[in-house]
Amino acid sequence: MDLMEISEKRKMGREETAKLLHRLADSLARHNEVEFTRNGKSFHIHVPNQVTVEVELEVESDESSIEIEISW
């Protein structure tokens, strides 16, 4: 399969961000897949029972970030 990459960066409120993460978590737990819709196209990606999770936290004086990467 050819490489397909979808990348998006946008500003959103904390509560909206939490809803996005909840939808992703619910999709993983209930459907063994994740769904993304971009430009009117839906992508369904199967996720196996075992995955690798990497969590990275960066704290600086003017900016902090949390990165969560799930791979299989």
PDB file of N, CA and C in Angstrom:
ATOM      1  N   MET A   1       0.847  -1.183   0.000  1.00  0.00           N
ATOM      2  CA  MET A   1       0.000   0.000   0.000  1.00  0.00           C
ATOM      3  C   MET A   1       0.888   1.241   0.000  1.00  0.00           C
ATOM      4  N   ASP A   2       0.530   2.227  -0.787  1.00  0.00           N
ATOM      5  CA  ASP A   2       1.255   3.493  -0.830  1.00  0.00           C
ATOM      6  C   ASP A   2       1.017   4.267   0.458  1.00  0.00           C
ATOM      7  N   LEU A   3       1.965   5.108   0.786  1.00  0.00           N
ATOM      8  CA  LEU A   3       1.860   5.938   1.974  1.00  0.00           C
ATOM      9  C   LEU A   3       0.736   6.950   1.801  1.00  0.00           C
ATOM     10  N   MET A   4      -0.117   7.028   2.815  1.00  0.00           N
ATOM     11  CA  MET A   4      -1.147   8.046   2.854  1.00  0.00           C
ATOM     12  C   MET A   4      -0.974   8.766   4.180  1.00  0.00           C
ATOM     13  N   GLU A   5      -0.898  10.053   4.132  1.00  0.00           N
ATOM     14  CA  GLU A   5      -0.719  10.823   5.352  1.00  0.00           C
ATOM     15  C   GLU A   5      -1.700  11.976   5.364  1.00  0.00           C
ATOM     16  N   ILE A   6      -2.393  12.114   6.485  1.00  0.00           N
ATOM     17  CA  ILE A   6      -3.312  13.230   6.685  1.00  0.00           C
ATOM     18  C   ILE A   6      -2.802  13.981   7.904  1.00  0.00           C
ATOM     19  N   SER A   7      -2.554  15.247   7.750  1.00  0.00           N
ATOM     20  CA  SER A   7      -2.053  16.047   8.851  1.00  0.00           C
ATOM     21  C   SER A   7      -2.905  17.303   8.967  1.00  0.00           C
ATOM     22  N   GLU A   8      -3.243  17.635  10.187  1.00  0.00           N
ATOM     23  CA  GLU A   8      -4.075  18.814  10.404  1.00  0.00           C
ATOM     24  C   GLU A   8      -3.677  19.454  11.729  1.00  0.00           C
ATOM     25  N   LYS A   9      -3.581  20.752  11.725  1.00  0.00           N
ATOM     26  CA  LYS A   9      -3.291  21.488  12.944  1.00  0.00           C
ATOM     27  C   LYS A   9      -4.260  22.650  13.009  1.00  0.00           C
ATOM     28  N   ARG A  10      -4.970  22.767  14.141  1.00  0.00           N
ATOM     29  CA  ARG A  10      -5.927  23.854  14.283  1.00  0.00           C
ATOM     30  C   ARG A  10      -6.106  24.209  15.746  1.00  0.00           C
ATOM     31  N   LYS A  11      -6.564  25.380  15.991  1.00  0.00           N
ATOM     32  CA  LYS A  11      -6.862  25.831  17.344  1.00  0.00           C
ATOM     33  C   LYS A  11      -8.270  25.364  17.705  1.00  0.00           C
ATOM     34  N   MET A  12      -8.432  24.876  18.929  1.00  0.00           N
ATOM     35  CA  MET A  12      -9.760  24.523  19.431  1.00  0.00           C
ATOM     36  C   MET A  12      -9.758  24.665  20.943  1.00  0.00           C
ATOM     37  N   GLY A  13     -10.936  24.777  21.495  1.00  0.00           N
ATOM     38  CA  GLY A  13     -11.064  24.906  22.942  1.00  0.00           C
ATOM     39  C   GLY A  13     -10.727  23.599  23.646  1.00  0.00           C
ATOM     40  N   ARG A  14     -10.425  23.705  24.924  1.00  0.00           N
ATOM     41  CA  ARG A  14     -10.077  22.529  25.718  1.00  0.00           C
ATOM     42  C   ARG A  14     -11.200  21.505  25.736  1.00  0.00           C
ATOM     43  N   GLU A  15     -12.452  21.941  25.911  1.00  0.00           N
ATOM     44  CA  GLU A  15     -13.579  21.010  25.948  1.00  0.00           C
ATOM     45  C   GLU A  15     -13.795  20.339  24.592  1.00  0.00           C
ATOM     46  N   GLU A  16     -13.650  21.083  23.519  1.00  0.00           N
ATOM     47  CA  GLU A  16     -13.779  20.508  22.174  1.00  0.00           C
ATOM     48  C   GLU A  16     -12.672  19.477  21.926  1.00  0.00           C
ATOM     49  N   THR A  17     -11.484  19.780  22.414  1.00  0.00           N
ATOM     50  CA  THR A  17     -10.372  18.840  22.293  1.00  0.00           C
ATOM     51  C   THR A  17     -10.667  17.560  23.058  1.00  0.00           C
ATOM     52  N   ALA A  18     -11.217  17.685  24.257  1.00  0.00           N
ATOM     53  CA  ALA A  18     -11.581  16.507  25.050  1.00  0.00           C
ATOM     54  C   ALA A  18     -12.619  15.661  24.318  1.00  0.00           C
ATOM     55  N   LYS A  19     -13.593  16.293  23.671  1.00  0.00           N
ATOM     56  CA  LYS A  19     -14.608  15.551  22.906  1.00  0.00           C
ATOM     57  C   LYS A  19     -13.972  14.788  21.749  1.00  0.00           C
ATOM     58  N   LEU A  20     -13.018  15.406  21.078  1.00  0.00           N
ATOM     59  CA  LEU A  20     -12.308  14.735  19.995  1.00  0.00           C
ATOM     60  C   LEU A  20     -11.586  13.492  20.510  1.00  0.00           C
ATOM     61  N   LEU A  21     -10.892  13.621  21.630  1.00  0.00           N
ATOM     62  CA  LEU A  21     -10.177  12.481  22.209  1.00  0.00           C
ATOM     63  C   LEU A  21     -11.145  11.391  22.679  1.00  0.00           C
ATOM     64  N   HIS A  22     -12.294  11.789  23.232  1.00  0.00           N
ATOM     65  CA  HIS A  22     -13.314  10.810  23.640  1.00  0.00           C
ATOM     66  C   HIS A  22     -13.840  10.037  22.433  1.00  0.00           C
ATOM     67  N   ARG A  23     -14.110  10.738  21.340  1.00  0.00           N
ATOM     68  CA  ARG A  23     -14.607  10.057  20.127  1.00  0.00           C
ATOM     69  C   ARG A  23     -13.580   9.053  19.612  1.00  0.00           C
ATOM     70  N   LEU A  24     -12.320   9.441  19.615  1.00  0.00           N
ATOM     71  CA  LEU A  24     -11.261   8.543  19.185  1.00  0.00           C
ATOM     72  C   LEU A  24     -11.179   7.327  20.104  1.00  0.00           C
ATOM     73  N   ALA A  25     -11.204   7.551  21.403  1.00  0.00           N
ATOM     74  CA  ALA A  25     -11.133   6.450  22.371  1.00  0.00           C
ATOM     75  C   ALA A  25     -12.337   5.519  22.233  1.00  0.00           C
ATOM     76  N   ASP A  26     -13.536   6.084  22.085  1.00  0.00           N
ATOM     77  CA  ASP A  26     -14.740   5.263  21.912  1.00  0.00           C
ATOM     78  C   ASP A  26     -14.660   4.428  20.641  1.00  0.00           C
ATOM     79  N   SER A  27     -14.176   5.023  19.579  1.00  0.00           N
ATOM     80  CA  SER A  27     -14.048   4.302  18.315  1.00  0.00           C
ATOM     81  C   SER A  27     -13.074   3.135  18.455  1.00  0.00           C
ATOM     82  N   LEU A  28     -11.956   3.357  19.110  1.00  0.00           N
ATOM     83  CA  LEU A  28     -10.979   2.284  19.322  1.00  0.00           C
ATOM     84  C   LEU A  28     -11.562   1.170  20.188  1.00  0.00           C
ATOM     85  N   ALA A  29     -12.261   1.534  21.245  1.00  0.00           N
ATOM     86  CA  ALA A  29     -12.783   0.547  22.185  1.00  0.00           C
ATOM     87  C   ALA A  29     -13.941  -0.262  21.608  1.00  0.00           C
ATOM     88  N   ARG A  30     -14.807   0.369  20.851  1.00  0.00           N
ATOM     89  CA  ARG A  30     -16.033  -0.301  20.392  1.00  0.00           C
ATOM     90  C   ARG A  30     -15.940  -0.897  19.005  1.00  0.00           C
ATOM     91  N   HIS A  31     -15.182  -0.278  18.132  1.00  0.00           N
ATOM     92  CA  HIS A  31     -15.243  -0.665  16.728  1.00  0.00           C
ATOM     93  C   HIS A  31     -13.926  -1.187  16.158  1.00  0.00           C
ATOM     94  N   ASN A  32     -12.886  -1.212  16.958  1.00  0.00           N
ATOM     95  CA  ASN A  32     -11.568  -1.665  16.493  1.00  0.00           C
ATOM     96  C   ASN A  32     -11.101  -0.918  15.254  1.00  0.00           C
ATOM     97  N   GLU A  33     -11.496   0.326  15.138  1.00  0.00           N
ATOM     98  CA  GLU A  33     -11.070   1.141  14.009  1.00  0.00           C
ATOM     99  C   GLU A  33     -11.167   2.611  14.384  1.00  0.00           C
ATOM    100  N   VAL A  34     -10.533   3.417  13.581  1.00  0.00           N
ATOM    101  CA  VAL A  34     -10.688   4.854  13.708  1.00  0.00           C
ATOM    102  C   VAL A  34     -11.209   5.378  12.378  1.00  0.00           C
ATOM    103  N   GLU A  35     -11.969   6.447  12.460  1.00  0.00           N
ATOM    104  CA  GLU A  35     -12.546   7.048  11.255  1.00  0.00           C
ATOM    105  C   GLU A  35     -12.131   8.503  11.188  1.00  0.00           C
ATOM    106  N   PHE A  36     -11.694   8.910  10.019  1.00  0.00           N
ATOM    107  CA  PHE A  36     -11.372  10.306   9.760  1.00  0.00           C
ATOM    108  C   PHE A  36     -12.157  10.744   8.547  1.00  0.00           C
ATOM    109  N   THR A  37     -12.694  11.941   8.588  1.00  0.00           N
ATOM    110  CA  THR A  37     -13.376  12.505   7.438  1.00  0.00           C
ATOM    111  C   THR A  37     -12.686  13.817   7.089  1.00  0.00           C
ATOM    112  N   ARG A  38     -12.191  13.894   5.867  1.00  0.00           N
ATOM    113  CA  ARG A  38     -11.521  15.098   5.386  1.00  0.00           C
ATOM    114  C   ARG A  38     -11.982  15.377   3.968  1.00  0.00           C
ATOM    115  N   ASN A  39     -12.382  16.603   3.729  1.00  0.00           N
ATOM    116  CA  ASN A  39     -12.806  17.032   2.395  1.00  0.00           C
ATOM    117  C   ASN A  39     -13.887  16.120   1.809  1.00  0.00           C
ATOM    118  N   GLY A  40     -14.829  15.707   2.658  1.00  0.00           N
ATOM    119  CA  GLY A  40     -15.946  14.885   2.194  1.00  0.00           C
ATOM    120  C   GLY A  40     -15.636  13.413   2.021  1.00  0.00           C
ATOM    121  N   LYS A  41     -14.419  12.978   2.298  1.00  0.00           N
ATOM    122  CA  LYS A  41     -14.046  11.571   2.184  1.00  0.00           C
ATOM    123  C   LYS A  41     -13.872  10.984   3.576  1.00  0.00           C
ATOM    124  N   SER A  42     -14.418   9.783   3.781  1.00  0.00           N
ATOM    125  CA  SER A  42     -14.257   9.088   5.054  1.00  0.00           C
ATOM    126  C   SER A  42     -13.229   7.981   4.907  1.00  0.00           C
ATOM    127  N   PHE A  43     -12.369   7.879   5.896  1.00  0.00           N
ATOM    128  CA  PHE A  43     -11.353   6.836   5.934  1.00  0.00           C
ATOM    129  C   PHE A  43     -11.583   6.004   7.192  1.00  0.00           C
ATOM    130  N   HIS A  44     -11.687   4.697   7.040  1.00  0.00           N
ATOM    131  CA  HIS A  44     -11.829   3.785   8.167  1.00  0.00           C
ATOM    132  C   HIS A  44     -10.549   2.961   8.237  1.00  0.00           C
ATOM    133  N   ILE A  45      -9.850   3.044   9.351  1.00  0.00           N
ATOM    134  CA  ILE A  45      -8.584   2.350   9.512  1.00  0.00           C
ATOM    135  C   ILE A  45      -8.726   1.329  10.622  1.00  0.00           C
ATOM    136  N   HIS A  46      -8.534   0.042  10.273  1.00  0.00           N
ATOM    137  CA  HIS A  46      -8.620  -1.036  11.248  1.00  0.00           C
ATOM    138  C   HIS A  46      -7.446  -0.946  12.222  1.00  0.00           C
ATOM    139  N   VAL A  47      -7.730  -1.176  13.494  1.00  0.00           N
ATOM    140  CA  VAL A  47      -6.703  -1.159  14.534  1.00  0.00           C
ATOM    141  C   VAL A  47      -6.699  -2.531  15.204  1.00  0.00           C
ATOM    142  N   PRO A  48      -5.554  -3.219  15.225  1.00  0.00           N
ATOM    143  CA  PRO A  48      -5.503  -4.546  15.844  1.00  0.00           C
ATOM    144  C   PRO A  48      -5.628  -4.465  17.360  1.00  0.00           C
ATOM    145  N   ASN A  49      -5.751  -5.618  18.005  1.00  0.00           N
ATOM    146  CA  ASN A  49      -5.910  -5.673  19.458  1.00  0.00           C
ATOM    147  C   ASN A  49      -4.678  -5.185  20.213  1.00  0.00           C
ATOM    148  N   GLN A  50      -3.493  -5.353  19.651  1.00  0.00           N
ATOM    149  CA  GLN A  50      -2.257  -4.916  20.301  1.00  0.00           C
ATOM    150  C   GLN A  50      -1.633  -3.772  19.505  1.00  0.00           C
ATOM    151  N   VAL A  51      -1.331  -2.688  20.178  1.00  0.00           N
ATOM    152  CA  VAL A  51      -0.714  -1.524  19.539  1.00  0.00           C
ATOM    153  C   VAL A  51       0.451  -1.044  20.411  1.00  0.00           C
ATOM    154  N   THR A  52       1.268  -0.183  19.861  1.00  0.00           N
ATOM    155  CA  THR A  52       2.335   0.472  20.609  1.00  0.00           C
ATOM    156  C   THR A  52       1.917   1.921  20.837  1.00  0.00           C
ATOM    157  N   VAL A  53       2.016   2.361  22.073  1.00  0.00           N
ATOM    158  CA  VAL A  53       1.610   3.726  22.428  1.00  0.00           C
ATOM    159  C   VAL A  53       2.821   4.473  22.969  1.00  0.00           C
ATOM    160  N   GLU A  54       3.047   5.655  22.426  1.00  0.00           N
ATOM    161  CA  GLU A  54       4.124   6.515  22.896  1.00  0.00           C
ATOM    162  C   GLU A  54       3.516   7.835  23.351  1.00  0.00           C
ATOM    163  N   VAL A  55       3.829   8.234  24.557  1.00  0.00           N
ATOM    164  CA  VAL A  55       3.338   9.504  25.101  1.00  0.00           C
ATOM    165  C   VAL A  55       4.552  10.367  25.410  1.00  0.00           C
ATOM    166  N   GLU A  56       4.535  11.584  24.897  1.00  0.00           N
ATOM    167  CA  GLU A  56       5.645  12.508  25.101  1.00  0.00           C
ATOM    168  C   GLU A  56       5.105  13.805  25.681  1.00  0.00           C
ATOM    169  N   LEU A  57       5.706  14.249  26.751  1.00  0.00           N
ATOM    170  CA  LEU A  57       5.314  15.492  27.409  1.00  0.00           C
ATOM    171  C   LEU A  57       6.493  16.443  27.359  1.00  0.00           C
ATOM    172  N   GLU A  58       6.253  17.652  26.890  1.00  0.00           N
ATOM    173  CA  GLU A  58       7.275  18.691  26.870  1.00  0.00           C
ATOM    174  C   GLU A  58       6.735  19.905  27.621  1.00  0.00           C
ATOM    175  N   VAL A  59       7.487  20.366  28.582  1.00  0.00           N
ATOM    176  CA  VAL A  59       7.090  21.534  29.359  1.00  0.00           C
ATOM    177  C   VAL A  59       8.204  22.562  29.260  1.00  0.00           C
ATOM    178  N   GLU A  60       7.848  23.730  28.746  1.00  0.00           N
ATOM    179  CA  GLU A  60       8.778  24.846  28.652  1.00  0.00           C
ATOM    180  C   GLU A  60       8.138  26.037  29.340  1.00  0.00           C
ATOM    181  N   SER A  61       8.886  27.082  29.516  1.00  0.00           N
ATOM    182  CA  SER A  61       8.356  28.243  30.227  1.00  0.00           C
ATOM    183  C   SER A  61       7.233  28.941  29.478  1.00  0.00           C
ATOM    184  N   ASP A  62       7.266  28.916  28.139  1.00  0.00           N
ATOM    185  CA  ASP A  62       6.255  29.636  27.364  1.00  0.00           C
ATOM    186  C   ASP A  62       5.291  28.727  26.604  1.00  0.00           C
ATOM    187  N   GLU A  63       5.559  27.418  26.561  1.00  0.00           N
ATOM    188  CA  GLU A  63       4.685  26.515  25.800  1.00  0.00           C
ATOM    189  C   GLU A  63       4.884  25.083  26.295  1.00  0.00           C
ATOM    190  N   SER A  64       3.789  24.319  26.335  1.00  0.00           N
ATOM    191  CA  SER A  64       3.863  22.906  26.713  1.00  0.00           C
ATOM    192  C   SER A  64       3.104  22.102  25.680  1.00  0.00           C
ATOM    193  N   SER A  65       3.407  20.799  25.607  1.00  0.00           N
ATOM    194  CA  SER A  65       2.688  19.954  24.655  1.00  0.00           C
ATOM    195  C   SER A  65       2.658  18.510  25.155  1.00  0.00           C
ATOM    196  N   ILE A  66       1.630  17.810  24.711  1.00  0.00           N
ATOM    197  CA  ILE A  66       1.495  16.378  24.924  1.00  0.00           C
ATOM    198  C   ILE A  66       1.318  15.766  23.541  1.00  0.00           C
ATOM    199  N   GLU A  67       2.151  14.796  23.214  1.00  0.00           N
ATOM    200  CA  GLU A  67       2.025  14.079  21.958  1.00  0.00           C
ATOM    201  C   GLU A  67       1.699  12.628  22.261  1.00  0.00           C
ATOM    202  N   ILE A  68       0.672  12.095  21.598  1.00  0.00           N
ATOM    203  CA  ILE A  68       0.287  10.700  21.758  1.00  0.00           C
ATOM    204  C   ILE A  68       0.362  10.048  20.389  1.00  0.00           C
ATOM    205  N   GLU A  69       1.167   9.018  20.293  1.00  0.00           N
ATOM    206  CA  GLU A  69       1.321   8.293  19.025  1.00  0.00           C
ATOM    207  C   GLU A  69       0.925   6.849  19.230  1.00  0.00           C
ATOM    208  N   ILE A  70       0.028   6.347  18.394  1.00  0.00           N
ATOM    209  CA  ILE A  70      -0.412   4.949  18.438  1.00  0.00           C
ATOM    210  C   ILE A  70       0.002   4.320  17.130  1.00  0.00           C
ATOM    211  N   SER A  71       0.746   3.238  17.198  1.00  0.00           N
ATOM    212  CA  SER A  71       1.197   2.590  15.963  1.00  0.00           C
ATOM    213  C   SER A  71       1.027   1.091  16.049  1.00  0.00           C
ATOM    214  N   TRP A  72       0.981   0.449  14.904  1.00  0.00           N
ATOM    215  CA  TRP A  72       0.876  -1.014  14.819  1.00  0.00           C
ATOM    216  C   TRP A  72       1.472  -1.480  13.536  1.00  0.00           C
TER     217      TRP A  72
END
